[in-house]
Protein backbone atom coordinates (compact mmCIF):
# COMPACT_ATOMS: atom_id res chain seq x y z
CA MET A 1 0.12 -0.05 0.01
CA ALA A 2 3.03 2.49 0.01
CA LYS A 3 2.21 4.04 -3.36
CA ILE A 4 -1.52 4.50 -2.19
CA ALA A 5 -0.15 6.76 0.96
CA VAL A 6 1.95 9.17 -1.55
CA GLU A 7 -1.04 11.31 -2.35
CA LEU A 8 -1.69 11.58 1.43
CA GLU A 9 1.58 12.44 2.42
CA ARG A 10 1.77 15.32 -0.26
CA ALA A 11 -1.56 16.77 0.74
CA LEU A 12 -0.54 16.72 4.60
CA ARG A 13 2.78 18.40 3.59
CA ARG A 14 0.75 21.00 1.66
CA ARG A 15 -1.39 21.54 4.80
CA ALA A 16 1.91 22.14 6.81
CA VAL A 17 3.33 24.70 4.37
CA ASN A 18 0.11 26.69 3.93
CA GLY A 19 -1.10 26.43 7.61
CA THR A 20 -4.73 25.57 6.48
CA PRO A 21 -7.32 23.76 8.72
CA GLY A 22 -7.50 20.01 7.92
CA GLN A 23 -10.40 18.97 5.46
CA ALA A 24 -11.55 16.12 3.31
CA ALA A 25 -11.17 16.31 -0.31
CA PRO A 26 -13.20 13.90 -2.44
CA ARG A 27 -12.37 13.26 -6.11
CA ILE A 28 -14.94 11.60 -8.24
CA VAL A 29 -13.37 8.77 -9.98
CA ALA A 30 -16.40 7.00 -11.43
CA GLN A 31 -20.01 7.01 -11.42
CA GLY A 32 -23.15 5.46 -13.12
CA ASP A 33 -26.83 5.04 -12.52
CA GLY A 34 -27.31 5.21 -8.55
CA TRP A 35 -23.63 4.85 -7.63
CA THR A 36 -20.54 7.32 -7.30
CA VAL A 37 -17.12 6.19 -6.37
CA ALA A 38 -14.67 8.92 -4.86
CA ASP A 39 -10.89 9.08 -4.05
CA VAL A 40 -11.26 11.00 -0.49
CA VAL A 41 -7.92 12.58 0.95
CA CYS A 42 -8.34 13.95 4.60
CA THR A 43 -5.90 16.16 5.97
CA SER A 44 -7.07 16.59 9.65
CA GLY A 45 -5.18 15.80 12.53
CA PRO A 46 -5.55 16.11 16.38
CA GLU A 47 -5.60 19.85 16.37
CA ASP A 48 -8.81 19.85 14.01
CA ARG A 49 -12.16 19.36 16.02
CA PRO A 50 -14.42 16.89 14.52
CA PHE A 51 -18.13 17.97 13.39
CA GLU A 52 -21.15 15.90 12.96
CA GLU A 53 -21.76 15.30 9.39
CA GLN A 54 -24.73 13.14 7.87
CA HIS A 55 -24.95 10.52 5.18
CA THR A 56 -26.98 11.14 2.31
CA HIS A 57 -26.52 7.98 0.77
CA TYR A 58 -25.70 4.40 1.72
CA ALA A 59 -21.64 4.58 2.25
CA ILE A 60 -19.03 2.20 2.11
CA ALA A 61 -15.60 3.66 2.56
CA VAL A 62 -12.53 1.49 1.93
CA VAL A 63 -9.78 2.83 4.04
CA VAL A 64 -6.59 2.70 2.26
CA ALA A 65 -4.13 4.70 4.25
CA GLY A 66 -3.82 6.43 7.69
CA THR A 67 -6.48 5.95 10.78
CA PHE A 68 -9.17 7.90 12.15
CA GLN A 69 -11.92 7.34 14.82
CA TYR A 70 -15.47 6.76 13.34
CA ARG A 71 -18.72 7.41 15.66
CA SER A 72 -22.19 6.65 14.64
CA PRO A 73 -25.48 5.67 16.23
CA LEU A 74 -24.24 2.22 15.40
CA GLY A 75 -21.37 2.21 17.44
CA HIS A 76 -17.82 3.76 17.29
CA GLY A 77 -14.24 2.27 16.84
CA VAL A 78 -10.82 3.13 15.01
CA MET A 79 -10.72 2.53 11.29
CA THR A 80 -7.62 1.20 9.94
CA PRO A 81 -6.27 0.26 6.48
CA GLY A 82 -8.17 -2.49 4.80
CA GLY A 83 -11.29 -1.64 7.00
CA LEU A 84 -14.92 -0.69 5.99
CA MET A 85 -16.73 2.27 7.14
CA LEU A 86 -20.51 1.69 6.75
CA GLY A 87 -23.06 4.53 6.78
CA ASN A 88 -26.99 4.55 6.42
CA PRO A 89 -28.76 7.42 4.58
CA GLY A 90 -30.09 10.02 7.02
CA GLN A 91 -27.45 8.75 9.91
CA CYS A 92 -25.30 11.18 11.64
CA TYR A 93 -21.60 10.60 12.29
CA GLU A 94 -18.34 12.12 13.39
CA CYS A 95 -14.80 11.19 12.09
CA GLY A 96 -12.00 12.16 14.40
CA HIS A 97 -8.10 12.33 14.17
CA ASP A 98 -7.31 12.16 17.75
CA HIS A 99 -4.01 10.02 17.51
CA GLY A 100 -2.48 10.81 14.14
CA ARG A 101 -3.02 13.02 10.86
CA GLY A 102 -4.73 12.14 7.72
CA ASP A 103 -6.29 9.10 5.93
CA ARG A 104 -7.38 8.07 2.54
CA CYS A 105 -10.44 6.33 1.45
CA VAL A 106 -12.18 4.90 -1.72
CA ALA A 107 -15.60 5.83 -0.90
CA PHE A 108 -18.70 4.12 -2.63
CA TRP A 109 -21.90 6.15 -2.39
CA TYR A 110 -25.15 4.38 -3.62
CA ALA A 111 -28.30 6.03 -3.95
CA PRO A 112 -31.32 4.64 -1.30
CA GLU A 113 -33.33 3.06 -3.87
CA SER A 114 -30.45 1.67 -5.97
CA PHE A 115 -28.80 0.08 -2.70
CA GLU A 116 -32.19 -1.25 -1.24
CA ARG A 117 -33.01 -3.00 -4.78
CA LEU A 118 -29.49 -4.59 -4.52
CA ALA A 119 -30.11 -5.75 -1.04
CA ALA A 120 -33.29 -7.27 -2.06
CA ASP A 121 -31.50 -9.22 -4.34
CA VAL A 122 -28.94 -10.34 -1.87
CA GLY A 123 -31.88 -11.47 0.41
CA ALA A 124 -31.81 -8.55 2.80
CA ARG A 125 -35.29 -6.95 3.21
CA GLY A 126 -36.81 -4.30 5.51
CA ALA A 127 -34.61 -3.54 8.27
CA GLY A 128 -32.00 -5.93 6.64
CA ALA A 129 -31.46 -3.79 4.14
CA ARG A 130 -29.65 -1.26 6.29
CA PHE A 131 -26.21 -1.85 7.80
CA ARG A 132 -26.34 -2.92 11.27
CA VAL A 133 -22.89 -2.20 12.34
CA PRO A 134 -20.64 0.96 11.87
CA ARG A 135 -17.61 -0.79 10.55
CA LEU A 136 -16.11 -4.13 9.55
CA PRO A 137 -12.51 -4.62 10.08
CA ALA A 138 -9.84 -5.55 7.84
CA LEU A 139 -10.14 -9.06 7.20
CA ARG A 140 -8.80 -11.59 4.41
CA ALA A 141 -12.33 -11.93 3.08
CA TRP A 142 -12.42 -8.56 1.51
CA SER A 143 -8.61 -7.80 1.03
CA PRO A 144 -8.60 -8.44 -2.78
CA LEU A 145 -11.43 -5.91 -3.16
CA VAL A 146 -9.75 -3.54 -0.92
CA ALA A 147 -6.55 -4.08 -3.02
CA ARG A 148 -8.50 -3.48 -6.22
CA ALA A 149 -10.08 -0.34 -5.01
CA ALA A 150 -6.58 1.25 -3.80
CA GLU A 151 -5.01 0.41 -7.10
CA GLY A 152 -8.03 1.81 -9.20
CA ALA A 153 -7.58 5.32 -7.16
CA THR A 154 -3.95 5.49 -8.00
CA GLY A 155 -4.51 5.00 -11.67
CA SER A 156 -2.48 1.78 -11.78
CA ARG A 157 -5.10 -0.60 -12.59
CA ASP A 158 -8.36 -0.41 -14.84
CA VAL A 159 -11.16 -1.28 -12.47
CA ALA A 160 -14.55 -2.40 -13.13
CA TRP A 161 -15.94 0.03 -10.55
CA GLU A 162 -19.72 -0.81 -10.87
CA GLU A 163 -18.82 -4.70 -10.35
CA LEU A 164 -16.65 -4.10 -7.45
CA GLY A 165 -19.22 -1.74 -5.82
CA VAL A 166 -21.82 -4.44 -6.23
CA ARG A 167 -19.62 -7.01 -4.67
CA LEU A 168 -18.51 -4.73 -1.63
CA ALA A 169 -22.24 -3.98 -1.07
CA ALA A 170 -23.16 -7.48 -1.06
CA LEU A 171 -20.12 -8.57 1.14
CA ALA A 172 -20.77 -5.68 3.41
CA LEU A 173 -24.76 -6.39 3.97
CA GLY A 174 -23.74 -10.27 4.31
CA ALA A 175 -21.05 -9.61 6.95
CA SER A 176 -22.95 -6.44 8.95
CA SER A 177 -25.83 -8.80 9.36
CA GLY A 178 -23.84 -12.13 10.17
CA SER A 179 -25.58 -13.89 7.27
CA GLY A 180 -24.02 -16.27 4.99
CA ARG A 181 -23.40 -16.08 1.24
CA ASP A 182 -26.51 -16.38 -0.89
CA ASP A 183 -26.84 -19.80 -2.42
CA ARG A 184 -30.15 -19.69 -4.24
CA PRO A 185 -30.56 -21.34 -7.48
CA LEU A 186 -29.57 -19.36 -10.77
CA PRO A 187 -32.68 -18.45 -12.99
CA LEU A 188 -34.29 -21.15 -15.18
CA ASN A 189 -33.36 -19.21 -18.29
CA ALA A 190 -29.67 -18.19 -17.09
CA ALA A 191 -27.91 -19.99 -19.79
CA ALA A 192 -29.97 -18.14 -22.37
CA GLN A 193 -29.41 -14.73 -20.68
CA VAL A 194 -25.74 -15.31 -20.40
CA THR A 195 -25.50 -16.65 -23.93
CA GLN A 196 -27.25 -13.33 -25.28
CA ALA A 197 -24.82 -11.07 -23.32
CA VAL A 198 -21.67 -13.18 -24.46
CA ARG A 199 -22.51 -12.89 -28.15
CA LEU A 200 -23.51 -9.11 -27.65
CA ILE A 201 -19.96 -8.78 -26.39
CA GLU A 202 -18.36 -10.63 -29.23
CA ARG A 203 -20.10 -8.70 -31.73
CA HIS A 204 -19.06 -5.40 -30.03
CA PRO A 205 -16.28 -5.68 -27.90
CA ASP A 206 -15.37 -2.07 -28.08
CA ALA A 207 -18.79 -0.81 -27.03
CA SER A 208 -19.35 0.65 -23.67
CA LEU A 209 -21.16 -2.38 -22.19
CA THR A 210 -21.69 -1.46 -18.34
CA LEU A 211 -22.80 -3.99 -15.88
CA SER A 212 -26.13 -1.96 -15.80
CA ARG A 213 -26.54 -2.25 -19.56
CA LEU A 214 -25.93 -6.00 -19.71
CA ALA A 215 -28.45 -6.61 -16.73
CA GLN A 216 -30.97 -4.55 -18.20
CA ASP A 217 -30.86 -6.39 -21.59
CA ALA A 218 -30.99 -9.85 -19.49
CA ARG A 219 -33.97 -8.61 -17.47
CA LEU A 220 -31.95 -9.16 -14.21
CA SER A 221 -30.71 -6.81 -11.48
CA PRO A 222 -27.01 -6.14 -11.37
CA TYR A 223 -26.33 -8.40 -8.69
CA HIS A 224 -28.21 -11.34 -10.34
CA PHE A 225 -26.68 -10.82 -13.59
CA LEU A 226 -23.24 -10.68 -12.33
CA ARG A 227 -23.68 -13.86 -9.92
CA THR A 228 -25.22 -15.65 -12.74
CA PHE A 229 -22.74 -14.47 -15.43
CA GLU A 230 -19.73 -15.40 -13.14
CA ARG A 231 -21.39 -18.80 -12.27
CA LEU A 232 -21.68 -20.07 -15.70
CA THR A 233 -18.67 -18.64 -17.53
CA GLY A 234 -15.93 -18.64 -14.83
CA VAL A 235 -15.29 -14.71 -15.07
CA THR A 236 -16.91 -11.44 -14.32
CA PRO A 237 -18.52 -9.51 -17.34
CA HIS A 238 -15.66 -7.01 -17.09
CA GLN A 239 -13.02 -9.71 -17.33
CA PHE A 240 -14.88 -11.17 -20.31
CA ILE A 241 -15.15 -7.97 -22.05
CA MET A 242 -11.37 -7.10 -21.49
CA ARG A 243 -10.44 -10.67 -23.02
CA ALA A 244 -12.63 -10.16 -26.07
CA ARG A 245 -11.04 -6.60 -26.55
CA LEU A 246 -7.72 -7.96 -26.12
CA ARG A 247 -8.24 -10.91 -28.65
CA GLU A 248 -9.49 -8.28 -31.10
CA ALA A 249 -6.63 -6.34 -30.70
CA ALA A 250 -4.24 -9.14 -31.31
CA MET A 251 -5.80 -10.08 -34.65
CA ARG A 252 -5.43 -6.55 -35.68
CA LEU A 253 -2.09 -6.10 -34.67
CA ALA A 254 -1.10 -9.32 -36.61
CA GLY A 255 -3.18 -8.30 -39.78
CA GLU A 256 -3.04 -4.70 -40.01
CA GLN A 257 -0.43 -1.84 -40.01
CA GLY A 258 -2.13 0.78 -37.85
CA SER A 259 -0.38 1.98 -34.70
CA VAL A 260 -0.48 0.43 -31.43
CA LEU A 261 -2.40 3.44 -30.16
CA ASP A 262 -4.73 3.44 -32.70
CA ILE A 263 -5.74 -0.30 -32.52
CA ALA A 264 -5.99 0.17 -28.62
CA LEU A 265 -8.42 2.99 -28.82
CA ASP A 266 -10.44 1.31 -31.63
CA CYS A 267 -10.86 -1.75 -29.49
CA GLY A 268 -12.16 0.16 -26.63
CA PHE A 269 -9.13 0.89 -24.61
CA GLY A 270 -9.29 4.45 -23.47
CA ASP A 271 -5.37 4.44 -22.16
CA VAL A 272 -2.84 2.96 -23.77
CA SER A 273 -0.61 2.16 -20.66
CA ASN A 274 -3.51 -0.11 -19.38
CA PHE A 275 -3.79 -1.52 -22.81
CA ASN A 276 0.07 -2.52 -22.82
CA ARG A 277 -0.20 -3.79 -19.24
CA ALA A 278 -3.24 -5.97 -19.78
CA PHE A 279 -1.90 -7.12 -23.38
CA ARG A 280 1.33 -8.22 -21.92
CA SER A 281 -0.48 -10.13 -18.90
CA GLU A 282 -2.70 -11.99 -21.29
CA PHE A 283 -0.21 -12.88 -24.07
CA GLY A 284 3.03 -12.69 -22.61
CA VAL A 285 4.55 -10.21 -24.81
CA SER A 286 4.07 -6.49 -25.50
CA PRO A 287 1.90 -5.48 -28.34
CA SER A 288 4.89 -4.33 -30.46
CA ALA A 289 6.69 -7.38 -30.05
CA TYR A 290 3.22 -9.54 -30.76
CA ARG A 291 3.13 -8.27 -34.27
CA GLN A 292 6.95 -9.14 -35.18
CA PRO A 293 7.46 -12.34 -36.95
CA ASN A 294 9.14 -15.24 -35.31
CA ARG A 295 8.80 -13.83 -31.82
CA THR A 296 9.10 -15.59 -28.82
CA ASP A 297 6.80 -15.05 -25.66
CA THR A 298 7.66 -14.94 -21.93
CA HIS A 299 6.85 -18.64 -21.80
CA GLY A 300 9.35 -19.43 -24.43
CA ARG A 301 6.66 -20.22 -27.18
CA ASN A 302 7.61 -19.19 -30.69
CA HIS A 303 4.62 -17.71 -32.49
CA GLY A 304 5.65 -17.31 -35.98
CA ASP A 305 4.09 -14.86 -38.23
CA ARG A 306 0.39 -14.75 -37.42
CA ARG A 307 -0.32 -12.86 -40.54
CA ASP A 308 0.09 -16.06 -42.50
CA ARG A 309 -2.49 -18.03 -40.48
C-alpha cells in the first residue's frame, strides 16, 4: 500500500506549508446510475475538532491509508487500512483524528433506491437492507476488493468500478448482518441470458457495455446478472469484455499496419498504458513484440508470423 499513501503524504505536506485547517477532499473517479466512487483524502489531525456530518446515501468507505475514529448511532471504533466504514442515509456521524494525521479512503456512495434493490437481491429486506454495524475490520475475505479499490484510485489498474461496488455492497450486507452467502439457485433461463450477453460482447467488444446495460438487456438486476454470468462463465462480465477486446486487438496487430495506439483506442481501451499492461499479462509479450514475425513470448513459445495464418 506504499503507493496509495503518497498522495496523502503530499496533501499533509501542503497543509503544513500553507497552515490551512484539515479537510476531506473527495475526487470523483467513477459514477453511474445510482452509484458514485470517490477518492477521499483527509488532512485532519489532532488539532482539528471533529464535527457532526450526515450520510445522504448508503456508504461504504474502503480505508486504504491512515487511521481515524468513526462514531455513529450504531457504535464507534478505530478505522484502519483494509477496514470498511459503513453508513446508512440520514445517519449522523463523526470522524476524528485524535491520534494521527490524515487518512485516505475510496468511498462508494449508493442512491437509496439502488442500494435497497441490491439488498433485496442479496436477500436482505426491510430492516436487513440497512447496515447494522458501523464498520467492518480488515479481514482476509475482502482484502482483494480493498486492493483493487486502492489500485484503481492511484490509476495503476483499470477497475470495473460498478462490479466492485456491487461486490462490496453484497459482502458488507452479509458481514454486517451475520448472514452467510447467497446460495439460491440461478434463474431457469440463466444460460440463455448469459449466452445473449456473451454474443453481444463478441459482436461489439469495443462498445461501452456496463454491468447495468448488460443486466437490463438480460432482464436481471445487476447483482443477479453478475452472479449468474460468473457462475456460468467462470469470469466476471468485465473480465470477459477485456479478454474479448484483447483478442480483437491481437488479431488486428497481426493483420493490420495501424499504430498500437490507434488499435488500442479502436478496440475500446481509453488508455494505452492500461492496454499495454493488460496485453502483456494476457499474451506474455508487449503489443509491439506480438506483431513481429518469429517472436518468442515470455513462456518460450515461438509464434511465427500470425499474418500467414
